Amino acid sequence: MNLVETYTNRYKDTFTFTYEEEKNRILWEGDFEHCRYGWDHDVNPEDNVLSMVDPSGGPYVCKGMKSKLIMKELTVYKYVDHMSANKDGEGRVVSFNIHLKDIE
């Protein structure tokens, strides 16, 4: 099942979220030219394991957030485990994978 939702932030930037059930993740696509992201203090930045992503104007997504807050129509209840960036050949972020974990 691939469920798709869009989100428009306060700057009128549109982001697409696609739930990929078989990969247990949400693919987050949009314009990330003005975006900040970070990782936990004990993680090597080169490992591409992010704990928060915040594009200018939103939406803010972080580790531990309920998946329902990202995709309102998602009927499975999970938490964000971490995120990873997908980059183009020039090193620009083009999308993020939001990796999910089951609620314990």
C-alpha atoms as a PDB file:
ATOM      1  CA  MET A   1       0.000   0.000   0.000  1.00  0.00           C
ATOM      2  CA  ASN A   2       1.380   3.401  -1.012  1.00  0.00           C
ATOM      3  CA  LEU A   3      -0.604   6.233   0.566  1.00  0.00           C
ATOM      4  CA  VAL A   4       0.187   9.779  -0.636  1.00  0.00           C
ATOM      5  CA  GLU A   5      -0.547  13.099   1.095  1.00  0.00           C
ATOM      6  CA  THR A   6       0.567  16.654   0.359  1.00  0.00           C
ATOM      7  CA  TYR A   7       1.341  19.482   2.753  1.00  0.00           C
ATOM      8  CA  THR A   8       1.625  23.193   1.897  1.00  0.00           C
ATOM      9  CA  ASN A   9       3.565  25.297   4.383  1.00  0.00           C
ATOM     10  CA  ARG A  10       3.207  28.979   5.213  1.00  0.00           C
ATOM     11  CA  TYR A  11       5.493  29.957   2.298  1.00  0.00           C
ATOM     12  CA  LYS A  12       3.299  27.997  -0.131  1.00  0.00           C
ATOM     13  CA  ASP A  13       5.977  25.290  -0.594  1.00  0.00           C
ATOM     14  CA  THR A  14       4.325  21.934  -1.242  1.00  0.00           C
ATOM     15  CA  PHE A  15       5.731  18.681   0.144  1.00  0.00           C
ATOM     16  CA  THR A  16       4.631  15.169  -0.736  1.00  0.00           C
ATOM     17  CA  PHE A  17       4.636  12.311   1.763  1.00  0.00           C
ATOM     18  CA  THR A  18       4.379   8.748   0.413  1.00  0.00           C
ATOM     19  CA  TYR A  19       3.960   5.871   2.867  1.00  0.00           C
ATOM     20  CA  GLU A  20       5.894   2.836   1.604  1.00  0.00           C
ATOM     21  CA  GLU A  21       4.535  -0.036   3.651  1.00  0.00           C
ATOM     22  CA  GLU A  22       6.988  -2.652   2.353  1.00  0.00           C
ATOM     23  CA  LYS A  23       9.941  -0.454   3.384  1.00  0.00           C
ATOM     24  CA  ASN A  24       8.313   0.759   6.635  1.00  0.00           C
ATOM     25  CA  ARG A  25       9.061   4.364   5.787  1.00  0.00           C
ATOM     26  CA  ILE A  26       7.633   7.592   4.457  1.00  0.00           C
ATOM     27  CA  LEU A  27       9.304   9.232   1.454  1.00  0.00           C
ATOM     28  CA  TRP A  28       9.279  13.020   1.920  1.00  0.00           C
ATOM     29  CA  GLU A  29       9.710  15.016  -1.305  1.00  0.00           C
ATOM     30  CA  GLY A  30       9.773  18.741  -1.950  1.00  0.00           C
ATOM     31  CA  ASP A  31      12.056  21.767  -2.109  1.00  0.00           C
ATOM     32  CA  PHE A  32      14.686  21.486   0.612  1.00  0.00           C
ATOM     33  CA  GLU A  33      16.866  24.392  -0.546  1.00  0.00           C
ATOM     34  CA  HIS A  34      16.251  26.230   2.734  1.00  0.00           C
ATOM     35  CA  CYS A  35      16.284  23.468   5.319  1.00  0.00           C
ATOM     36  CA  ARG A  36      18.097  22.605   8.498  1.00  0.00           C
ATOM     37  CA  TYR A  37      18.603  19.115   9.856  1.00  0.00           C
ATOM     38  CA  GLY A  38      20.492  17.536  12.707  1.00  0.00           C
ATOM     39  CA  TRP A  39      21.516  14.319  14.390  1.00  0.00           C
ATOM     40  CA  ASP A  40      21.999  13.051  17.912  1.00  0.00           C
ATOM     41  CA  HIS A  41      25.287  13.957  19.616  1.00  0.00           C
ATOM     42  CA  ASP A  42      26.578  10.366  19.537  1.00  0.00           C
ATOM     43  CA  VAL A  43      25.972   9.882  15.781  1.00  0.00           C
ATOM     44  CA  ASN A  44      28.557  10.467  13.063  1.00  0.00           C
ATOM     45  CA  PRO A  45      27.081  12.980  10.559  1.00  0.00           C
ATOM     46  CA  GLU A  46      28.479  10.916   7.690  1.00  0.00           C
ATOM     47  CA  ASP A  47      26.243   7.971   8.715  1.00  0.00           C
ATOM     48  CA  ASN A  48      23.152   9.858   7.385  1.00  0.00           C
ATOM     49  CA  VAL A  49      21.058   9.092  10.496  1.00  0.00           C
ATOM     50  CA  LEU A  50      19.143  12.289  11.220  1.00  0.00           C
ATOM     51  CA  SER A  51      17.033  13.054  14.272  1.00  0.00           C
ATOM     52  CA  MET A  52      15.273  16.194  12.958  1.00  0.00           C
ATOM     53  CA  VAL A  53      14.454  17.934   9.685  1.00  0.00           C
ATOM     54  CA  ASP A  54      13.057  21.470   9.521  1.00  0.00           C
ATOM     55  CA  PRO A  55      12.505  23.136   6.141  1.00  0.00           C
ATOM     56  CA  SER A  56      11.925  26.875   6.278  1.00  0.00           C
ATOM     57  CA  GLY A  57       8.180  27.333   6.769  1.00  0.00           C
ATOM     58  CA  GLY A  58       7.681  23.767   8.024  1.00  0.00           C
ATOM     59  CA  PRO A  59       6.805  21.042   8.562  1.00  0.00           C
ATOM     60  CA  TYR A  60       9.167  20.124  11.392  1.00  0.00           C
ATOM     61  CA  VAL A  61       9.697  16.351  11.734  1.00  0.00           C
ATOM     62  CA  CYS A  62      11.729  14.734  14.506  1.00  0.00           C
ATOM     63  CA  LYS A  63      12.693  11.403  15.974  1.00  0.00           C
ATOM     64  CA  GLY A  64       9.984  10.041  18.286  1.00  0.00           C
ATOM     65  CA  MET A  65       7.145  11.885  16.523  1.00  0.00           C
ATOM     66  CA  LYS A  66       3.980   9.878  15.860  1.00  0.00           C
ATOM     67  CA  SER A  67       3.532   8.988  12.181  1.00  0.00           C
ATOM     68  CA  LYS A  68      -0.090  10.183  12.395  1.00  0.00           C
ATOM     69  CA  LEU A  69       1.207  13.752  12.864  1.00  0.00           C
ATOM     70  CA  ILE A  70       3.014  13.506   9.520  1.00  0.00           C
ATOM     71  CA  MET A  71       0.306  11.737   7.512  1.00  0.00           C
ATOM     72  CA  LYS A  72      -3.206  12.218   8.855  1.00  0.00           C
ATOM     73  CA  GLU A  73      -4.741   9.383   6.777  1.00  0.00           C
ATOM     74  CA  LEU A  74      -2.170   6.793   7.884  1.00  0.00           C
ATOM     75  CA  THR A  75      -4.013   4.003   9.681  1.00  0.00           C
ATOM     76  CA  VAL A  76      -0.924   2.299  11.124  1.00  0.00           C
ATOM     77  CA  TYR A  77       0.418   3.712  14.352  1.00  0.00           C
ATOM     78  CA  LYS A  78       4.187   4.100  14.384  1.00  0.00           C
ATOM     79  CA  TYR A  79       6.902   6.468  15.552  1.00  0.00           C
ATOM     80  CA  VAL A  80       9.701   8.121  13.615  1.00  0.00           C
ATOM     81  CA  ASP A  81      12.883   6.165  14.315  1.00  0.00           C
ATOM     82  CA  HIS A  82      15.197   8.386  12.258  1.00  0.00           C
ATOM     83  CA  MET A  83      15.491  10.070   8.885  1.00  0.00           C
ATOM     84  CA  SER A  84      18.019   9.853   6.062  1.00  0.00           C
ATOM     85  CA  ALA A  85      18.699  12.331   3.257  1.00  0.00           C
ATOM     86  CA  ASN A  86      18.649  11.469  -0.447  1.00  0.00           C
ATOM     87  CA  LYS A  87      21.006  13.699  -2.450  1.00  0.00           C
ATOM     88  CA  ASP A  88      21.520  14.397  -6.125  1.00  0.00           C
ATOM     89  CA  GLY A  89      24.871  14.137  -7.923  1.00  0.00           C
ATOM     90  CA  GLU A  90      25.870  17.600  -6.704  1.00  0.00           C
ATOM     91  CA  GLY A  91      25.188  16.838  -3.049  1.00  0.00           C
ATOM     92  CA  ARG A  92      21.889  18.746  -2.734  1.00  0.00           C
ATOM     93  CA  VAL A  93      19.131  17.145  -0.663  1.00  0.00           C
ATOM     94  CA  VAL A  94      16.212  16.188  -2.919  1.00  0.00           C
ATOM     95  CA  SER A  95      14.162  14.101  -0.470  1.00  0.00           C
ATOM     96  CA  PHE A  96      14.205  12.428   2.930  1.00  0.00           C
ATOM     97  CA  ASN A  97      13.324   8.913   4.038  1.00  0.00           C
ATOM     98  CA  ILE A  98      11.403   8.916   7.316  1.00  0.00           C
ATOM     99  CA  HIS A  99      12.158   5.504   8.825  1.00  0.00           C
ATOM    100  CA  LEU A 100       9.407   4.239  11.126  1.00  0.00           C
ATOM    101  CA  LYS A 101       9.258   1.872  14.083  1.00  0.00           C
ATOM    102  CA  ASP A 102       6.304   0.189  15.748  1.00  0.00           C
ATOM    103  CA  ILE A 103       4.779   1.681  18.872  1.00  0.00           C
ATOM    104  CA  GLU A 104       5.873  -0.458  21.790  1.00  0.00           C
END
